[in-house]
Amino acid sequence: MLLGAPEHPGAPGVGFCARVSPCASVPIRVNLWLVIAFLHGKLADAAPTHVVVDCNGVGYSVFIPLSSYDKLPPKGADVKLLTHHHVIAHEGTQQLFGFVTPEEREMFLLLISISGIGPKLALNILSSTSISTLRSAIASGDTKTLSLLRGIGKKTAERLVVELKDKVGADVTLVGKGATASVADQKLTDAILALVSLGYKQMDAHKAVLASAEKLGPAANVEQLVRAALGNA
């Protein structure tokens, strides 16, 4: 599927991240890759495997997992999808994969980081089980459960455990003492994900962020939590 990006990068309803080639020797716009980070518009059409989002008259076809389909609003309503903009340079093709929640996109990105798992297979996996079940199976090394997922065999299940076990961790409660499950929960989760992206193991990141939250109190923002955790490392 060839996806045409809007002529103007700042078009309303479409969030872009810009990446520029470090070896640019021609005008910068020739080397600019527009990476679509999210879509915000009207839900024009929806099916269990894909949706069409109307962003100011431009319809974007987006592949989604079943977990996101269940959370979609009615057709015609406003919708925001977090996206992964997948570019296959040698084929000259682009695809959009969309997710309603950050957790779905985060797990999708972890899955496609594994050799042999492409975007379509990653969507099949997310459509076959819940995020919490998948995370728990990987963290506990349950290759039997993983190999039962659609498109996953024994070898791929073993590779998931080996490469992702330290990154996903077990499903844990992220709210510390005295915190409320809402804004506080999201701040702790964002701080933990930030540490994981810096190379921390999931459980180490969880412990460090909770310790920082206890020390700094509920008023601390994500940046302060991360800095405190890094300072205690």
Protein backbone atom coordinates (compact mmCIF):
# COMPACT_ATOMS: atom_id res chain seq x y z
CA MET A 1 0.00 0.00 0.00
CA LEU A 2 1.47 3.33 -1.04
CA LEU A 3 0.69 6.09 1.40
CA GLY A 4 0.84 9.71 0.29
CA ALA A 5 1.73 12.18 3.03
CA PRO A 6 0.01 15.58 3.02
CA GLU A 7 1.77 18.32 1.06
CA HIS A 8 2.17 20.44 4.20
CA PRO A 9 3.78 18.64 7.20
CA GLY A 10 1.82 20.76 9.65
CA ALA A 11 -1.59 19.65 8.39
CA PRO A 12 -4.11 19.61 11.29
CA GLY A 13 -4.86 16.19 12.69
CA VAL A 14 -1.56 14.59 11.74
CA GLY A 15 1.42 14.51 14.11
CA PHE A 16 4.79 14.31 12.43
CA CYS A 17 8.32 13.61 13.62
CA ALA A 18 11.03 14.83 11.24
CA ARG A 19 14.14 12.82 10.47
CA VAL A 20 16.90 14.33 8.35
CA SER A 21 19.70 12.46 6.63
CA PRO A 22 23.05 13.33 8.27
CA CYS A 23 24.71 13.07 4.85
CA ALA A 24 22.53 15.69 3.16
CA SER A 25 24.37 17.46 0.36
CA VAL A 26 21.24 18.70 -1.42
CA PRO A 27 18.43 20.96 -0.19
CA ILE A 28 17.10 19.66 3.13
CA ARG A 29 13.54 19.04 1.95
CA VAL A 30 14.75 16.34 -0.45
CA ASN A 31 16.15 14.33 2.48
CA LEU A 32 13.27 14.88 4.89
CA TRP A 33 11.38 11.78 6.03
CA LEU A 34 8.02 12.58 7.54
CA VAL A 35 7.24 10.03 10.23
CA ILE A 36 3.59 10.02 11.28
CA ALA A 37 3.41 9.74 15.07
CA PHE A 38 -0.36 9.99 15.47
CA LEU A 39 -3.60 10.71 13.62
CA HIS A 40 -6.47 12.79 15.01
CA GLY A 41 -9.63 13.10 12.95
CA LYS A 42 -12.98 11.49 12.19
CA LEU A 43 -13.41 7.73 12.11
CA ALA A 44 -14.59 7.28 8.52
CA ASP A 45 -14.59 3.49 8.43
CA ALA A 46 -13.71 0.65 10.77
CA ALA A 47 -13.12 -3.09 10.50
CA PRO A 48 -11.46 -5.50 12.94
CA THR A 49 -8.17 -5.30 11.03
CA HIS A 50 -8.06 -1.71 9.75
CA VAL A 51 -9.66 1.72 9.95
CA VAL A 52 -9.81 4.85 7.84
CA VAL A 53 -9.25 8.15 9.63
CA ASP A 54 -10.39 11.34 7.88
CA CYS A 55 -7.94 14.12 8.73
CA ASN A 56 -9.29 17.28 7.11
CA GLY A 57 -10.34 15.56 3.89
CA VAL A 58 -7.40 13.13 3.66
CA GLY A 59 -8.28 9.51 4.44
CA TYR A 60 -5.53 7.47 6.11
CA SER A 61 -5.83 3.69 5.97
CA VAL A 62 -4.42 2.23 9.19
CA PHE A 63 -3.90 -1.39 10.24
CA ILE A 64 -4.95 -2.07 13.85
CA PRO A 65 -5.04 -4.99 16.33
CA LEU A 66 -8.33 -6.32 17.70
CA SER A 67 -7.51 -4.79 21.08
CA SER A 68 -7.71 -1.33 19.51
CA TYR A 69 -10.83 -2.14 17.48
CA ASP A 70 -12.73 -2.89 20.69
CA LYS A 71 -11.88 0.59 22.01
CA LEU A 72 -12.87 2.61 18.94
CA PRO A 73 -15.67 5.22 19.06
CA PRO A 74 -18.65 5.04 16.66
CA LYS A 75 -18.11 5.90 13.00
CA GLY A 76 -18.11 9.63 12.42
CA ALA A 77 -16.81 10.40 15.91
CA ASP A 78 -13.47 11.97 16.75
CA VAL A 79 -10.65 9.46 17.12
CA LYS A 80 -6.95 9.66 17.92
CA LEU A 81 -4.62 6.82 17.03
CA LEU A 82 -0.99 6.50 18.04
CA THR A 83 0.82 5.20 14.99
CA HIS A 84 3.89 3.38 13.76
CA HIS A 85 4.87 4.61 10.31
CA HIS A 86 6.49 1.61 8.62
CA VAL A 87 8.63 2.39 5.59
CA ILE A 88 10.04 -0.34 3.34
CA ALA A 89 12.62 1.68 1.44
CA HIS A 90 13.68 -0.96 -1.09
CA GLU A 91 10.06 -1.55 -2.11
CA GLY A 92 9.07 2.11 -2.02
CA THR A 93 6.05 1.33 0.17
CA GLN A 94 4.70 2.74 3.40
CA GLN A 95 2.18 1.40 5.92
CA LEU A 96 0.52 2.84 9.00
CA PHE A 97 -0.19 0.74 12.09
CA GLY A 98 -2.44 2.33 14.69
CA PHE A 99 -3.12 1.83 18.40
CA VAL A 100 -5.58 3.35 20.84
CA THR A 101 -3.29 3.04 23.88
CA PRO A 102 0.44 3.67 24.45
CA GLU A 103 0.78 0.16 25.92
CA GLU A 104 -0.33 -1.43 22.65
CA ARG A 105 2.14 0.57 20.59
CA GLU A 106 4.96 -0.06 23.08
CA MET A 107 4.43 -3.83 22.91
CA PHE A 108 4.14 -3.69 19.12
CA LEU A 109 7.51 -1.92 18.88
CA LEU A 110 9.10 -4.48 21.19
CA LEU A 111 7.73 -7.33 19.08
CA ILE A 112 8.98 -5.99 15.75
CA SER A 113 12.43 -5.51 17.28
CA ILE A 114 12.71 -9.32 17.24
CA SER A 115 14.27 -10.89 14.14
CA GLY A 116 11.61 -12.74 12.15
CA ILE A 117 8.65 -10.76 13.52
CA GLY A 118 7.32 -8.15 11.13
CA PRO A 119 4.49 -5.65 11.65
CA LYS A 120 1.72 -7.95 10.39
CA LEU A 121 2.78 -10.82 12.66
CA ALA A 122 3.10 -8.41 15.60
CA LEU A 123 -0.51 -7.31 14.99
CA ASN A 124 -1.62 -10.95 14.88
CA ILE A 125 0.03 -11.54 18.25
CA LEU A 126 -1.64 -8.48 19.81
CA SER A 127 -4.97 -9.63 18.37
CA SER A 128 -4.59 -13.09 19.89
CA THR A 129 -4.16 -12.17 23.55
CA SER A 130 -4.18 -9.29 26.02
CA ILE A 131 -1.12 -7.13 26.72
CA SER A 132 -1.00 -8.29 30.35
CA THR A 133 -1.17 -11.99 29.38
CA LEU A 134 1.52 -11.56 26.75
CA ARG A 135 3.78 -9.65 29.13
CA SER A 136 3.34 -12.24 31.87
CA ALA A 137 4.04 -15.16 29.52
CA ILE A 138 7.25 -13.54 28.29
CA ALA A 139 8.40 -12.57 31.80
CA SER A 140 7.76 -16.06 33.20
CA GLY A 141 9.32 -17.84 30.20
CA ASP A 142 6.04 -19.57 29.34
CA THR A 143 6.94 -20.67 25.82
CA LYS A 144 4.03 -23.12 25.75
CA THR A 145 1.48 -20.31 25.99
CA LEU A 146 3.41 -18.13 23.55
CA SER A 147 3.67 -20.89 20.95
CA LEU A 148 -0.12 -21.18 20.92
CA LEU A 149 -0.48 -17.60 19.65
CA ARG A 150 -1.33 -17.12 15.99
CA GLY A 151 1.77 -17.26 13.82
CA ILE A 152 4.15 -18.13 16.68
CA GLY A 153 6.03 -21.41 16.74
CA LYS A 154 8.30 -22.90 19.39
CA LYS A 155 11.49 -21.24 18.13
CA THR A 156 9.91 -17.80 17.87
CA ALA A 157 8.39 -18.22 21.34
CA GLU A 158 11.82 -19.02 22.76
CA ARG A 159 13.31 -16.01 20.99
CA LEU A 160 10.61 -13.75 22.47
CA VAL A 161 11.51 -14.90 25.97
CA VAL A 162 15.27 -14.57 25.48
CA GLU A 163 15.17 -11.10 23.91
CA LEU A 164 12.24 -9.47 25.72
CA LYS A 165 12.15 -10.99 29.20
CA ASP A 166 14.27 -8.25 30.77
CA LYS A 167 12.44 -5.53 28.85
CA VAL A 168 8.81 -6.33 29.65
CA GLY A 169 8.96 -7.62 33.23
CA ALA A 170 5.91 -9.09 34.93
CA ASP A 171 2.65 -7.21 35.24
CA VAL A 172 3.09 -5.13 38.37
CA THR A 173 1.20 -2.46 40.25
CA LEU A 174 2.82 0.87 39.43
CA VAL A 175 1.17 3.00 42.11
CA GLY A 176 3.21 3.56 45.25
CA LYS A 177 2.03 4.33 48.76
CA GLY A 178 -0.25 7.32 48.98
CA ALA A 179 -0.52 7.71 45.19
CA THR A 180 -3.81 7.65 43.33
CA ALA A 181 -4.40 5.50 40.26
CA SER A 182 -4.85 8.04 37.45
CA VAL A 183 -2.41 10.84 36.78
CA ALA A 184 0.06 9.38 39.29
CA ASP A 185 -0.14 5.97 37.64
CA GLN A 186 0.54 7.46 34.20
CA LYS A 187 3.52 9.47 35.47
CA LEU A 188 5.08 6.40 37.05
CA THR A 189 4.49 4.35 33.91
CA ASP A 190 6.01 7.03 31.67
CA ALA A 191 9.06 7.30 33.94
CA ILE A 192 9.54 3.53 33.93
CA LEU A 193 9.31 3.39 30.13
CA ALA A 194 11.85 6.21 29.89
CA LEU A 195 14.33 4.23 32.02
CA VAL A 196 13.73 1.05 30.00
CA SER A 197 14.47 3.01 26.81
CA LEU A 198 17.78 4.01 28.42
CA GLY A 199 18.73 0.37 28.94
CA TYR A 200 17.29 -0.43 32.38
CA LYS A 201 15.68 -3.80 32.99
CA GLN A 202 11.93 -3.49 33.58
CA MET A 203 11.99 -4.57 37.23
CA ASP A 204 15.01 -2.36 38.02
CA ALA A 205 13.28 0.60 36.40
CA HIS A 206 10.12 -0.10 38.39
CA LYS A 207 11.99 -0.20 41.71
CA ALA A 208 13.99 2.94 40.92
CA VAL A 209 10.91 4.97 39.93
CA LEU A 210 8.91 3.90 42.98
CA ALA A 211 11.84 4.86 45.20
CA SER A 212 12.01 8.26 43.51
CA ALA A 213 8.26 8.75 43.86
CA GLU A 214 8.42 7.99 47.58
CA LYS A 215 11.28 10.47 47.99
CA LEU A 216 9.91 13.33 45.85
CA GLY A 217 6.20 13.01 46.60
CA PRO A 218 3.11 13.17 44.36
CA ALA A 219 3.97 16.59 42.89
CA ALA A 220 7.00 15.25 41.02
CA ASN A 221 6.72 15.18 37.24
CA VAL A 222 8.08 12.53 34.88
CA GLU A 223 11.38 14.33 34.24
CA GLN A 224 12.04 14.73 37.96
CA LEU A 225 11.26 11.06 38.61
CA VAL A 226 13.63 9.93 35.86
CA ARG A 227 16.44 12.25 36.96
CA ALA A 228 16.10 11.12 40.57
CA ALA A 229 16.14 7.47 39.52
CA LEU A 230 19.26 8.01 37.42
CA GLY A 231 20.92 9.83 40.30
CA ASN A 232 20.29 6.87 42.61
CA ALA A 233 21.67 4.34 40.14
